[in-house]
Amino acid sequence: MKFNKYQQSQIPEVNLVPMMDVIMTILTFFILVSMTLTSSKSVDATLPSTDKGVNNKPAPEPLIIGMTRAGQTEINNATVTETQIAEQVAAYFQRNPQGAIVLKADKSLAYEKVVQTLGTLRDVGGDRVSLAIE
């Protein structure tokens, strides 16, 4: 049997480029339609005004407790002992219930001394203590 060289079977090829163009067009259409159909829903709520609830009282001055390099504790530039710290902090909180304490410790001071002072303040009721950083 003789085969004609022009009649060989050819495998059909599928051109994917036009199909991808159609798919991207449909995808773009659905994205645009879904974005226009979603509307932002809002709730009609009465919001509080800014003038209500404003605290017109200024914050009280914090009690500053300093700790020197030698380990001495100072309040108002006067050296105090642990018992005097407790008394002065208790008196400060009686005058200013919303007051705060700032502890300024020298950076070369042993950490143990600072923790000991923080423990004393906690025992007295000084739960609003800030550590000063310079």
C-alpha atoms as a PDB file:
ATOM      1  CA  MET A   1       0.000   0.000   0.000  1.00  0.00           C
ATOM      2  CA  LYS A   2       1.299   3.330  -0.960  1.00  0.00           C
ATOM      3  CA  PHE A   3       0.980   6.299   1.416  1.00  0.00           C
ATOM      4  CA  ASN A   4       0.720   9.734   0.154  1.00  0.00           C
ATOM      5  CA  LYS A   5       3.084  11.967   2.023  1.00  0.00           C
ATOM      6  CA  TYR A   6       0.541  14.755   2.023  1.00  0.00           C
ATOM      7  CA  GLN A   7      -2.195  12.730   3.647  1.00  0.00           C
ATOM      8  CA  GLN A   8      -0.489  11.994   6.921  1.00  0.00           C
ATOM      9  CA  SER A   9      -2.729  12.359   9.919  1.00  0.00           C
ATOM     10  CA  GLN A  10      -2.092  15.518  11.865  1.00  0.00           C
ATOM     11  CA  ILE A  11      -2.877  15.958  15.538  1.00  0.00           C
ATOM     12  CA  PRO A  12      -5.348  18.810  16.001  1.00  0.00           C
ATOM     13  CA  GLU A  13      -4.009  21.688  18.057  1.00  0.00           C
ATOM     14  CA  VAL A  14      -6.086  23.734  20.434  1.00  0.00           C
ATOM     15  CA  ASN A  15      -5.257  27.400  20.478  1.00  0.00           C
ATOM     16  CA  LEU A  16      -5.525  28.441  24.162  1.00  0.00           C
ATOM     17  CA  VAL A  17      -4.908  32.190  23.792  1.00  0.00           C
ATOM     18  CA  PRO A  18      -8.454  33.132  22.670  1.00  0.00           C
ATOM     19  CA  MET A  19      -9.932  30.863  25.342  1.00  0.00           C
ATOM     20  CA  MET A  20      -7.865  32.574  28.052  1.00  0.00           C
ATOM     21  CA  ASP A  21      -8.973  35.977  26.770  1.00  0.00           C
ATOM     22  CA  VAL A  22     -12.611  34.958  27.087  1.00  0.00           C
ATOM     23  CA  ILE A  23     -12.087  33.555  30.591  1.00  0.00           C
ATOM     24  CA  MET A  24     -10.295  36.733  31.760  1.00  0.00           C
ATOM     25  CA  THR A  25     -13.092  38.888  30.307  1.00  0.00           C
ATOM     26  CA  ILE A  26     -15.742  36.868  32.132  1.00  0.00           C
ATOM     27  CA  LEU A  27     -13.741  36.966  35.378  1.00  0.00           C
ATOM     28  CA  THR A  28     -13.332  40.743  35.108  1.00  0.00           C
ATOM     29  CA  PHE A  29     -17.069  41.106  34.476  1.00  0.00           C
ATOM     30  CA  PHE A  30     -17.974  39.099  37.584  1.00  0.00           C
ATOM     31  CA  ILE A  31     -15.494  40.991  39.753  1.00  0.00           C
ATOM     32  CA  LEU A  32     -16.888  44.350  38.659  1.00  0.00           C
ATOM     33  CA  VAL A  33     -20.478  43.225  39.126  1.00  0.00           C
ATOM     34  CA  SER A  34     -19.792  41.821  42.594  1.00  0.00           C
ATOM     35  CA  MET A  35     -18.074  45.059  43.632  1.00  0.00           C
ATOM     36  CA  THR A  36     -21.026  47.180  42.545  1.00  0.00           C
ATOM     37  CA  LEU A  37     -23.616  44.938  44.178  1.00  0.00           C
ATOM     38  CA  THR A  38     -21.995  45.033  47.605  1.00  0.00           C
ATOM     39  CA  SER A  39     -23.068  48.194  49.320  1.00  0.00           C
ATOM     40  CA  SER A  40     -21.803  49.418  52.637  1.00  0.00           C
ATOM     41  CA  LYS A  41     -24.449  49.080  55.277  1.00  0.00           C
ATOM     42  CA  SER A  42     -24.503  51.589  58.077  1.00  0.00           C
ATOM     43  CA  VAL A  43     -26.203  51.704  61.422  1.00  0.00           C
ATOM     44  CA  ASP A  44     -27.935  54.866  62.502  1.00  0.00           C
ATOM     45  CA  ALA A  45     -26.362  55.377  65.914  1.00  0.00           C
ATOM     46  CA  THR A  46     -26.128  58.459  68.044  1.00  0.00           C
ATOM     47  CA  LEU A  47     -22.469  58.920  68.942  1.00  0.00           C
ATOM     48  CA  PRO A  48     -21.378  60.709  72.107  1.00  0.00           C
ATOM     49  CA  SER A  49     -20.113  64.239  71.765  1.00  0.00           C
ATOM     50  CA  THR A  50     -16.619  65.225  72.744  1.00  0.00           C
ATOM     51  CA  ASP A  51     -17.644  67.762  75.368  1.00  0.00           C
ATOM     52  CA  LYS A  52     -19.370  65.201  77.576  1.00  0.00           C
ATOM     53  CA  GLY A  53     -17.239  63.230  79.975  1.00  0.00           C
ATOM     54  CA  VAL A  54     -14.213  65.471  79.693  1.00  0.00           C
ATOM     55  CA  ASN A  55     -12.218  65.645  82.879  1.00  0.00           C
ATOM     56  CA  ASN A  56     -11.639  69.329  83.563  1.00  0.00           C
ATOM     57  CA  LYS A  57      -9.552  68.600  86.648  1.00  0.00           C
ATOM     58  CA  PRO A  58      -5.848  68.594  85.911  1.00  0.00           C
ATOM     59  CA  ALA A  59      -3.931  65.479  86.883  1.00  0.00           C
ATOM     60  CA  PRO A  60      -2.192  65.814  90.246  1.00  0.00           C
ATOM     61  CA  GLU A  61       1.552  66.223  90.322  1.00  0.00           C
ATOM     62  CA  PRO A  62       3.259  62.853  90.661  1.00  0.00           C
ATOM     63  CA  LEU A  63       5.323  62.030  93.715  1.00  0.00           C
ATOM     64  CA  ILE A  64       8.922  61.728  92.543  1.00  0.00           C
ATOM     65  CA  ILE A  65      11.104  59.289  94.451  1.00  0.00           C
ATOM     66  CA  GLY A  66      14.793  59.367  93.564  1.00  0.00           C
ATOM     67  CA  MET A  67      17.441  56.734  94.214  1.00  0.00           C
ATOM     68  CA  THR A  68      21.062  57.839  94.153  1.00  0.00           C
ATOM     69  CA  ARG A  69      24.111  55.889  93.060  1.00  0.00           C
ATOM     70  CA  ALA A  70      24.949  55.237  96.724  1.00  0.00           C
ATOM     71  CA  GLY A  71      21.554  53.581  97.247  1.00  0.00           C
ATOM     72  CA  GLN A  72      19.966  56.411  99.221  1.00  0.00           C
ATOM     73  CA  THR A  73      16.314  57.188  98.616  1.00  0.00           C
ATOM     74  CA  GLU A  74      15.209  60.797  98.302  1.00  0.00           C
ATOM     75  CA  ILE A  75      11.819  62.471  98.294  1.00  0.00           C
ATOM     76  CA  ASN A  76      11.770  66.223  97.624  1.00  0.00           C
ATOM     77  CA  ASN A  77      15.592  66.274  97.822  1.00  0.00           C
ATOM     78  CA  ALA A  78      15.536  64.916 101.380  1.00  0.00           C
ATOM     79  CA  THR A  79      17.009  61.521 102.233  1.00  0.00           C
ATOM     80  CA  VAL A  80      14.399  59.168 103.685  1.00  0.00           C
ATOM     81  CA  THR A  81      14.274  55.657 105.119  1.00  0.00           C
ATOM     82  CA  GLU A  82      11.943  52.812 104.103  1.00  0.00           C
ATOM     83  CA  THR A  83       9.447  53.602 106.856  1.00  0.00           C
ATOM     84  CA  GLN A  84       9.441  57.289 105.898  1.00  0.00           C
ATOM     85  CA  ILE A  85       8.822  56.300 102.260  1.00  0.00           C
ATOM     86  CA  ALA A  86       5.782  54.287 103.340  1.00  0.00           C
ATOM     87  CA  GLU A  87       4.459  57.183 105.438  1.00  0.00           C
ATOM     88  CA  GLN A  88       4.953  59.810 102.728  1.00  0.00           C
ATOM     89  CA  VAL A  89       3.449  57.631  99.984  1.00  0.00           C
ATOM     90  CA  ALA A  90       0.421  56.855 102.152  1.00  0.00           C
ATOM     91  CA  ALA A  91      -0.003  60.585 102.903  1.00  0.00           C
ATOM     92  CA  TYR A  92       0.362  61.415  99.188  1.00  0.00           C
ATOM     93  CA  PHE A  93      -2.358  58.931  98.232  1.00  0.00           C
ATOM     94  CA  GLN A  94      -4.666  60.322 100.933  1.00  0.00           C
ATOM     95  CA  ARG A  95      -4.290  63.803  99.408  1.00  0.00           C
ATOM     96  CA  ASN A  96      -4.363  62.588  95.774  1.00  0.00           C
ATOM     97  CA  PRO A  97      -6.278  59.298  95.329  1.00  0.00           C
ATOM     98  CA  GLN A  98      -5.656  59.397  91.562  1.00  0.00           C
ATOM     99  CA  GLY A  99      -2.002  60.350  91.938  1.00  0.00           C
ATOM    100  CA  ALA A 100       0.991  58.497  90.528  1.00  0.00           C
ATOM    101  CA  ILE A 101       4.529  57.835  91.664  1.00  0.00           C
ATOM    102  CA  VAL A 102       7.632  58.281  89.511  1.00  0.00           C
ATOM    103  CA  LEU A 103      10.703  56.318  90.568  1.00  0.00           C
ATOM    104  CA  LYS A 104      13.960  57.809  89.295  1.00  0.00           C
ATOM    105  CA  ALA A 105      16.806  55.398  89.967  1.00  0.00           C
ATOM    106  CA  ASP A 106      20.446  55.879  88.978  1.00  0.00           C
ATOM    107  CA  LYS A 107      21.421  53.538  86.154  1.00  0.00           C
ATOM    108  CA  SER A 108      24.450  52.222  88.012  1.00  0.00           C
ATOM    109  CA  LEU A 109      22.342  51.274  91.033  1.00  0.00           C
ATOM    110  CA  ALA A 110      21.912  47.572  91.737  1.00  0.00           C
ATOM    111  CA  TYR A 111      18.639  46.186  90.385  1.00  0.00           C
ATOM    112  CA  GLU A 112      17.960  44.548  93.743  1.00  0.00           C
ATOM    113  CA  LYS A 113      17.661  47.964  95.440  1.00  0.00           C
ATOM    114  CA  VAL A 114      15.130  49.165  92.863  1.00  0.00           C
ATOM    115  CA  VAL A 115      13.039  46.003  93.238  1.00  0.00           C
ATOM    116  CA  GLN A 116      13.164  46.359  97.011  1.00  0.00           C
ATOM    117  CA  THR A 117      11.844  49.936  96.768  1.00  0.00           C
ATOM    118  CA  LEU A 118       9.134  48.838  94.327  1.00  0.00           C
ATOM    119  CA  GLY A 119       8.101  46.156  96.840  1.00  0.00           C
ATOM    120  CA  THR A 120       7.851  48.766  99.583  1.00  0.00           C
ATOM    121  CA  LEU A 121       5.702  50.959  97.351  1.00  0.00           C
ATOM    122  CA  ARG A 122       3.462  48.011  96.434  1.00  0.00           C
ATOM    123  CA  ASP A 123       2.961  47.128 100.106  1.00  0.00           C
ATOM    124  CA  VAL A 124       1.846  50.688 100.851  1.00  0.00           C
ATOM    125  CA  GLY A 125      -0.626  50.654  97.978  1.00  0.00           C
ATOM    126  CA  GLY A 126       1.429  52.354  95.303  1.00  0.00           C
ATOM    127  CA  ASP A 127       0.187  50.380  92.339  1.00  0.00           C
ATOM    128  CA  ARG A 128       0.611  53.303  89.902  1.00  0.00           C
ATOM    129  CA  VAL A 129       4.400  53.508  89.797  1.00  0.00           C
ATOM    130  CA  SER A 130       6.288  54.622  86.705  1.00  0.00           C
ATOM    131  CA  LEU A 131      10.001  54.204  86.185  1.00  0.00           C
ATOM    132  CA  ALA A 132      11.658  57.359  84.877  1.00  0.00           C
ATOM    133  CA  ILE A 133      14.016  57.053  81.916  1.00  0.00           C
ATOM    134  CA  GLU A 134      16.511  59.702  80.955  1.00  0.00           C
END
